[in-house]
Amino acid sequence: MPISVKLDDLLHERRMTLTELADRVGLTLANLSILKTGKAKAIRFSTLEAICRELDCQPGDLLGYEDE
C-alpha cells in the first residue's frame, strides 16, 4: 500500500509509548497497533484528530505517500 504510517517515529520523538497514546486518545491498544503496523484500511478523522492533538503534529507528519 502506498500510504505509510509514521506513528513509531512520532512516538519515539515524543518519548511516548503506544499504551500511553492509546489511553490518551481513548482507543484500544489493539486498534492503535493495527494502525501503527500499517494494516489499517481506514482511519476516522476523529481518531486522526485525537492522535495529532496528543502528539502535537499534523496529519502529514503521521501519514506519508510513497508511489509504488
PDB file of N, CA and C in Angstrom:
ATOM      1  N   MET A   1       0.853  -1.181   0.000  1.00  0.00           N
ATOM      2  CA  MET A   1       0.000   0.000   0.000  1.00  0.00           C
ATOM      3  C   MET A   1       0.892   1.236   0.000  1.00  0.00           C
ATOM      4  N   PRO A   2       0.590   2.208  -0.841  1.00  0.00           N
ATOM      5  CA  PRO A   2       1.455   3.389  -0.935  1.00  0.00           C
ATOM      6  C   PRO A   2       1.331   4.369   0.241  1.00  0.00           C
ATOM      7  N   ILE A   3       0.357   4.174   1.131  1.00  0.00           N
ATOM      8  CA  ILE A   3       0.221   5.040   2.305  1.00  0.00           C
ATOM      9  C   ILE A   3       1.011   4.419   3.450  1.00  0.00           C
ATOM     10  N   SER A   4       1.924   5.199   4.021  1.00  0.00           N
ATOM     11  CA  SER A   4       2.704   4.706   5.154  1.00  0.00           C
ATOM     12  C   SER A   4       2.305   5.465   6.417  1.00  0.00           C
ATOM     13  N   VAL A   5       2.390   4.781   7.537  1.00  0.00           N
ATOM     14  CA  VAL A   5       2.054   5.368   8.833  1.00  0.00           C
ATOM     15  C   VAL A   5       3.348   5.507   9.620  1.00  0.00           C
ATOM     16  N   LYS A   6       3.642   6.724  10.035  1.00  0.00           N
ATOM     17  CA  LYS A   6       4.903   7.018  10.726  1.00  0.00           C
ATOM     18  C   LYS A   6       4.686   7.201  12.231  1.00  0.00           C
ATOM     19  N   LEU A   7       3.772   6.414  12.772  1.00  0.00           N
ATOM     20  CA  LEU A   7       3.436   6.542  14.190  1.00  0.00           C
ATOM     21  C   LEU A   7       4.617   6.168  15.086  1.00  0.00           C
ATOM     22  N   ASP A   8       5.354   5.136  14.726  1.00  0.00           N
ATOM     23  CA  ASP A   8       6.515   4.729  15.523  1.00  0.00           C
ATOM     24  C   ASP A   8       7.517   5.862  15.678  1.00  0.00           C
ATOM     25  N   ASP A   9       7.813   6.539  14.578  1.00  0.00           N
ATOM     26  CA  ASP A   9       8.772   7.643  14.613  1.00  0.00           C
ATOM     27  C   ASP A   9       8.294   8.776  15.519  1.00  0.00           C
ATOM     28  N   LEU A  10       7.012   9.115  15.407  1.00  0.00           N
ATOM     29  CA  LEU A  10       6.466  10.198  16.229  1.00  0.00           C
ATOM     30  C   LEU A  10       6.458   9.830  17.706  1.00  0.00           C
ATOM     31  N   LEU A  11       6.104   8.590  18.003  1.00  0.00           N
ATOM     32  CA  LEU A  11       6.113   8.151  19.401  1.00  0.00           C
ATOM     33  C   LEU A  11       7.529   8.208  19.973  1.00  0.00           C
ATOM     34  N   HIS A  12       8.490   7.780  19.190  1.00  0.00           N
ATOM     35  CA  HIS A  12       9.875   7.796  19.641  1.00  0.00           C
ATOM     36  C   HIS A  12      10.335   9.235  19.899  1.00  0.00           C
ATOM     37  N   GLU A  13      10.027  10.134  18.971  1.00  0.00           N
ATOM     38  CA  GLU A  13      10.401  11.541  19.124  1.00  0.00           C
ATOM     39  C   GLU A  13       9.768  12.170  20.361  1.00  0.00           C
ATOM     40  N   ARG A  14       8.536  11.758  20.668  1.00  0.00           N
ATOM     41  CA  ARG A  14       7.810  12.340  21.814  1.00  0.00           C
ATOM     42  C   ARG A  14       8.071  11.577  23.110  1.00  0.00           C
ATOM     43  N   ARG A  15       8.857  10.492  23.009  1.00  0.00           N
ATOM     44  CA  ARG A  15       9.147   9.630  24.169  1.00  0.00           C
ATOM     45  C   ARG A  15       7.851   9.166  24.836  1.00  0.00           C
ATOM     46  N   MET A  16       6.972   8.643  24.002  1.00  0.00           N
ATOM     47  CA  MET A  16       5.670   8.174  24.457  1.00  0.00           C
ATOM     48  C   MET A  16       5.494   6.731  24.004  1.00  0.00           C
ATOM     49  N   THR A  17       4.847   5.934  24.833  1.00  0.00           N
ATOM     50  CA  THR A  17       4.581   4.550  24.447  1.00  0.00           C
ATOM     51  C   THR A  17       3.248   4.459  23.721  1.00  0.00           C
ATOM     52  N   LEU A  18       3.080   3.378  23.011  1.00  0.00           N
ATOM     53  CA  LEU A  18       1.814   3.132  22.319  1.00  0.00           C
ATOM     54  C   LEU A  18       0.681   3.008  23.337  1.00  0.00           C
ATOM     55  N   THR A  19       0.965   2.385  24.457  1.00  0.00           N
ATOM     56  CA  THR A  19      -0.037   2.233  25.519  1.00  0.00           C
ATOM     57  C   THR A  19      -0.475   3.588  26.056  1.00  0.00           C
ATOM     58  N   GLU A  20       0.475   4.476  26.271  1.00  0.00           N
ATOM     59  CA  GLU A  20       0.145   5.811  26.774  1.00  0.00           C
ATOM     60  C   GLU A  20      -0.708   6.575  25.758  1.00  0.00           C
ATOM     61  N   LEU A  21      -0.345   6.486  24.491  1.00  0.00           N
ATOM     62  CA  LEU A  21      -1.137   7.161  23.458  1.00  0.00           C
ATOM     63  C   LEU A  21      -2.543   6.576  23.386  1.00  0.00           C
ATOM     64  N   ALA A  22      -2.657   5.265  23.469  1.00  0.00           N
ATOM     65  CA  ALA A  22      -3.973   4.614  23.431  1.00  0.00           C
ATOM     66  C   ALA A  22      -4.853   5.131  24.563  1.00  0.00           C
ATOM     67  N   ASP A  23      -4.288   5.259  25.755  1.00  0.00           N
ATOM     68  CA  ASP A  23      -5.049   5.784  26.892  1.00  0.00           C
ATOM     69  C   ASP A  23      -5.479   7.224  26.665  1.00  0.00           C
ATOM     70  N   ARG A  24      -4.596   8.021  26.115  1.00  0.00           N
ATOM     71  CA  ARG A  24      -4.885   9.443  25.912  1.00  0.00           C
ATOM     72  C   ARG A  24      -5.946   9.689  24.847  1.00  0.00           C
ATOM     73  N   VAL A  25      -5.958   8.868  23.797  1.00  0.00           N
ATOM     74  CA  VAL A  25      -6.919   9.104  22.712  1.00  0.00           C
ATOM     75  C   VAL A  25      -8.171   8.251  22.831  1.00  0.00           C
ATOM     76  N   GLY A  26      -8.195   7.325  23.794  1.00  0.00           N
ATOM     77  CA  GLY A  26      -9.394   6.525  24.004  1.00  0.00           C
ATOM     78  C   GLY A  26      -9.567   5.394  23.007  1.00  0.00           C
ATOM     79  N   LEU A  27      -8.468   4.860  22.511  1.00  0.00           N
ATOM     80  CA  LEU A  27      -8.512   3.707  21.610  1.00  0.00           C
ATOM     81  C   LEU A  27      -7.960   2.485  22.323  1.00  0.00           C
ATOM     82  N   THR A  28      -8.337   1.324  21.823  1.00  0.00           N
ATOM     83  CA  THR A  28      -7.734   0.120  22.382  1.00  0.00           C
ATOM     84  C   THR A  28      -6.311   0.014  21.839  1.00  0.00           C
ATOM     85  N   LEU A  29      -5.476  -0.642  22.602  1.00  0.00           N
ATOM     86  CA  LEU A  29      -4.100  -0.858  22.185  1.00  0.00           C
ATOM     87  C   LEU A  29      -4.069  -1.667  20.886  1.00  0.00           C
ATOM     88  N   ALA A  30      -4.972  -2.621  20.759  1.00  0.00           N
ATOM     89  CA  ALA A  30      -5.028  -3.452  19.554  1.00  0.00           C
ATOM     90  C   ALA A  30      -5.329  -2.614  18.311  1.00  0.00           C
ATOM     91  N   ASN A  31      -6.293  -1.714  18.394  1.00  0.00           N
ATOM     92  CA  ASN A  31      -6.643  -0.881  17.237  1.00  0.00           C
ATOM     93  C   ASN A  31      -5.514   0.078  16.875  1.00  0.00           C
ATOM     94  N   LEU A  32      -4.858   0.639  17.877  1.00  0.00           N
ATOM     95  CA  LEU A  32      -3.751   1.538  17.610  1.00  0.00           C
ATOM     96  C   LEU A  32      -2.568   0.765  17.015  1.00  0.00           C
ATOM     97  N   SER A  33      -2.382  -0.461  17.457  1.00  0.00           N
ATOM     98  CA  SER A  33      -1.320  -1.308  16.923  1.00  0.00           C
ATOM     99  C   SER A  33      -1.563  -1.632  15.449  1.00  0.00           C
ATOM    100  N   ILE A  34      -2.806  -1.873  15.080  1.00  0.00           N
ATOM    101  CA  ILE A  34      -3.158  -2.123  13.681  1.00  0.00           C
ATOM    102  C   ILE A  34      -2.802  -0.911  12.830  1.00  0.00           C
ATOM    103  N   LEU A  35      -3.068   0.275  13.334  1.00  0.00           N
ATOM    104  CA  LEU A  35      -2.713   1.487  12.615  1.00  0.00           C
ATOM    105  C   LEU A  35      -1.197   1.622  12.511  1.00  0.00           C
ATOM    106  N   LYS A  36      -0.503   1.383  13.601  1.00  0.00           N
ATOM    107  CA  LYS A  36       0.945   1.535  13.648  1.00  0.00           C
ATOM    108  C   LYS A  36       1.657   0.602  12.670  1.00  0.00           C
ATOM    109  N   THR A  37       1.159  -0.595  12.532  1.00  0.00           N
ATOM    110  CA  THR A  37       1.814  -1.575  11.662  1.00  0.00           C
ATOM    111  C   THR A  37       1.418  -1.421  10.189  1.00  0.00           C
ATOM    112  N   GLY A  38       0.541  -0.472   9.896  1.00  0.00           N
ATOM    113  CA  GLY A  38       0.145  -0.233   8.513  1.00  0.00           C
ATOM    114  C   GLY A  38      -0.899  -1.195   8.001  1.00  0.00           C
ATOM    115  N   LYS A  39      -1.545  -1.939   8.887  1.00  0.00           N
ATOM    116  CA  LYS A  39      -2.560  -2.912   8.474  1.00  0.00           C
ATOM    117  C   LYS A  39      -3.963  -2.323   8.424  1.00  0.00           C
ATOM    118  N   ALA A  40      -4.116  -1.084   8.884  1.00  0.00           N
ATOM    119  CA  ALA A  40      -5.433  -0.443   8.882  1.00  0.00           C
ATOM    120  C   ALA A  40      -5.836  -0.101   7.453  1.00  0.00           C
ATOM    121  N   LYS A  41      -7.098  -0.280   7.153  1.00  0.00           N
ATOM    122  CA  LYS A  41      -7.625   0.059   5.831  1.00  0.00           C
ATOM    123  C   LYS A  41      -8.243   1.449   5.800  1.00  0.00           C
ATOM    124  N   ALA A  42      -8.532   1.996   6.977  1.00  0.00           N
ATOM    125  CA  ALA A  42      -9.152   3.315   7.062  1.00  0.00           C
ATOM    126  C   ALA A  42      -8.871   3.902   8.441  1.00  0.00           C
ATOM    127  N   ILE A  43      -9.036   5.217   8.557  1.00  0.00           N
ATOM    128  CA  ILE A  43      -8.918   5.887   9.848  1.00  0.00           C
ATOM    129  C   ILE A  43      -9.975   6.991   9.887  1.00  0.00           C
ATOM    130  N   ARG A  44     -10.655   7.080  10.987  1.00  0.00           N
ATOM    131  CA  ARG A  44     -11.660   8.141  11.148  1.00  0.00           C
ATOM    132  C   ARG A  44     -10.958   9.467  11.379  1.00  0.00           C
ATOM    133  N   PHE A  45     -11.553  10.524  10.873  1.00  0.00           N
ATOM    134  CA  PHE A  45     -10.981  11.847  11.094  1.00  0.00           C
ATOM    135  C   PHE A  45     -10.915  12.171  12.584  1.00  0.00           C
ATOM    136  N   SER A  46     -11.899  11.719  13.352  1.00  0.00           N
ATOM    137  CA  SER A  46     -11.878  11.993  14.794  1.00  0.00           C
ATOM    138  C   SER A  46     -10.687  11.302  15.458  1.00  0.00           C
ATOM    139  N   THR A  47     -10.337  10.103  14.984  1.00  0.00           N
ATOM    140  CA  THR A  47      -9.178   9.389  15.511  1.00  0.00           C
ATOM    141  C   THR A  47      -7.899  10.106  15.101  1.00  0.00           C
ATOM    142  N   LEU A  48      -7.826  10.510  13.849  1.00  0.00           N
ATOM    143  CA  LEU A  48      -6.672  11.242  13.355  1.00  0.00           C
ATOM    144  C   LEU A  48      -6.488  12.550  14.123  1.00  0.00           C
ATOM    145  N   GLU A  49      -7.587  13.221  14.378  1.00  0.00           N
ATOM    146  CA  GLU A  49      -7.540  14.475  15.142  1.00  0.00           C
ATOM    147  C   GLU A  49      -7.007  14.234  16.550  1.00  0.00           C
ATOM    148  N   ALA A  50      -7.500  13.194  17.203  1.00  0.00           N
ATOM    149  CA  ALA A  50      -7.073  12.898  18.577  1.00  0.00           C
ATOM    150  C   ALA A  50      -5.587  12.545  18.632  1.00  0.00           C
ATOM    151  N   ILE A  51      -5.125  11.758  17.676  1.00  0.00           N
ATOM    152  CA  ILE A  51      -3.704  11.387  17.644  1.00  0.00           C
ATOM    153  C   ILE A  51      -2.843  12.627  17.397  1.00  0.00           C
ATOM    154  N   CYS A  52      -3.242  13.454  16.443  1.00  0.00           N
ATOM    155  CA  CYS A  52      -2.485  14.674  16.163  1.00  0.00           C
ATOM    156  C   CYS A  52      -2.480  15.623  17.355  1.00  0.00           C
ATOM    157  N   ARG A  53      -3.587  15.703  18.058  1.00  0.00           N
ATOM    158  CA  ARG A  53      -3.658  16.553  19.249  1.00  0.00           C
ATOM    159  C   ARG A  53      -2.674  16.081  20.303  1.00  0.00           C
ATOM    160  N   GLU A  54      -2.667  14.789  20.576  1.00  0.00           N
ATOM    161  CA  GLU A  54      -1.811  14.241  21.633  1.00  0.00           C
ATOM    162  C   GLU A  54      -0.337  14.236  21.255  1.00  0.00           C
ATOM    163  N   LEU A  55      -0.041  14.075  19.969  1.00  0.00           N
ATOM    164  CA  LEU A  55       1.357  14.053  19.532  1.00  0.00           C
ATOM    165  C   LEU A  55       1.832  15.423  19.046  1.00  0.00           C
ATOM    166  N   ASP A  56       0.941  16.416  19.085  1.00  0.00           N
ATOM    167  CA  ASP A  56       1.256  17.771  18.641  1.00  0.00           C
ATOM    168  C   ASP A  56       1.877  17.740  17.244  1.00  0.00           C
ATOM    169  N   CYS A  57       1.108  17.173  16.309  1.00  0.00           N
ATOM    170  CA  CYS A  57       1.604  17.036  14.941  1.00  0.00           C
ATOM    171  C   CYS A  57       0.482  17.315  13.952  1.00  0.00           C
ATOM    172  N   GLN A  58       0.827  17.327  12.696  1.00  0.00           N
ATOM    173  CA  GLN A  58      -0.123  17.487  11.608  1.00  0.00           C
ATOM    174  C   GLN A  58      -0.383  16.121  10.980  1.00  0.00           C
ATOM    175  N   PRO A  59      -1.529  15.927  10.316  1.00  0.00           N
ATOM    176  CA  PRO A  59      -1.792  14.637   9.668  1.00  0.00           C
ATOM    177  C   PRO A  59      -0.672  14.210   8.723  1.00  0.00           C
ATOM    178  N   GLY A  60      -0.052  15.157   8.044  1.00  0.00           N
ATOM    179  CA  GLY A  60       1.049  14.846   7.141  1.00  0.00           C
ATOM    180  C   GLY A  60       2.294  14.343   7.849  1.00  0.00           C
ATOM    181  N   ASP A  61       2.414  14.650   9.142  1.00  0.00           N
ATOM    182  CA  ASP A  61       3.527  14.119   9.928  1.00  0.00           C
ATOM    183  C   ASP A  61       3.308  12.647  10.243  1.00  0.00           C
ATOM    184  N   LEU A  62       2.058  12.245  10.290  1.00  0.00           N
ATOM    185  CA  LEU A  62       1.682  10.886  10.660  1.00  0.00           C
ATOM    186  C   LEU A  62       1.559   9.962   9.451  1.00  0.00           C
ATOM    187  N   LEU A  63       1.102  10.513   8.340  1.00  0.00           N
ATOM    188  CA  LEU A  63       0.861   9.705   7.137  1.00  0.00           C
ATOM    189  C   LEU A  63       1.757  10.165   6.000  1.00  0.00           C
ATOM    190  N   GLY A  64       2.208   9.225   5.209  1.00  0.00           N
ATOM    191  CA  GLY A  64       3.021   9.551   4.046  1.00  0.00           C
ATOM    192  C   GLY A  64       2.522   8.793   2.833  1.00  0.00           C
ATOM    193  N   TYR A  65       2.905   9.265   1.658  1.00  0.00           N
ATOM    194  CA  TYR A  65       2.544   8.605   0.410  1.00  0.00           C
ATOM    195  C   TYR A  65       3.818   8.253  -0.335  1.00  0.00           C
ATOM    196  N   GLU A  66       3.960   6.988  -0.659  1.00  0.00           N
ATOM    197  CA  GLU A  66       5.130   6.530  -1.405  1.00  0.00           C
ATOM    198  C   GLU A  66       4.633   5.796  -2.647  1.00  0.00           C
ATOM    199  N   ASP A  67       4.899   6.376  -3.785  1.00  0.00           N
ATOM    200  CA  ASP A  67       4.451   5.785  -5.049  1.00  0.00           C
ATOM    201  C   ASP A  67       5.128   4.436  -5.248  1.00  0.00           C
ATOM    202  N   GLU A  68       4.311   3.447  -5.584  1.00  0.00           N
ATOM    203  CA  GLU A  68       4.848   2.086  -5.727  1.00  0.00           C
ATOM    204  C   GLU A  68       5.584   1.939  -7.018  1.00  0.00           C
TER     205      GLU A  68
END
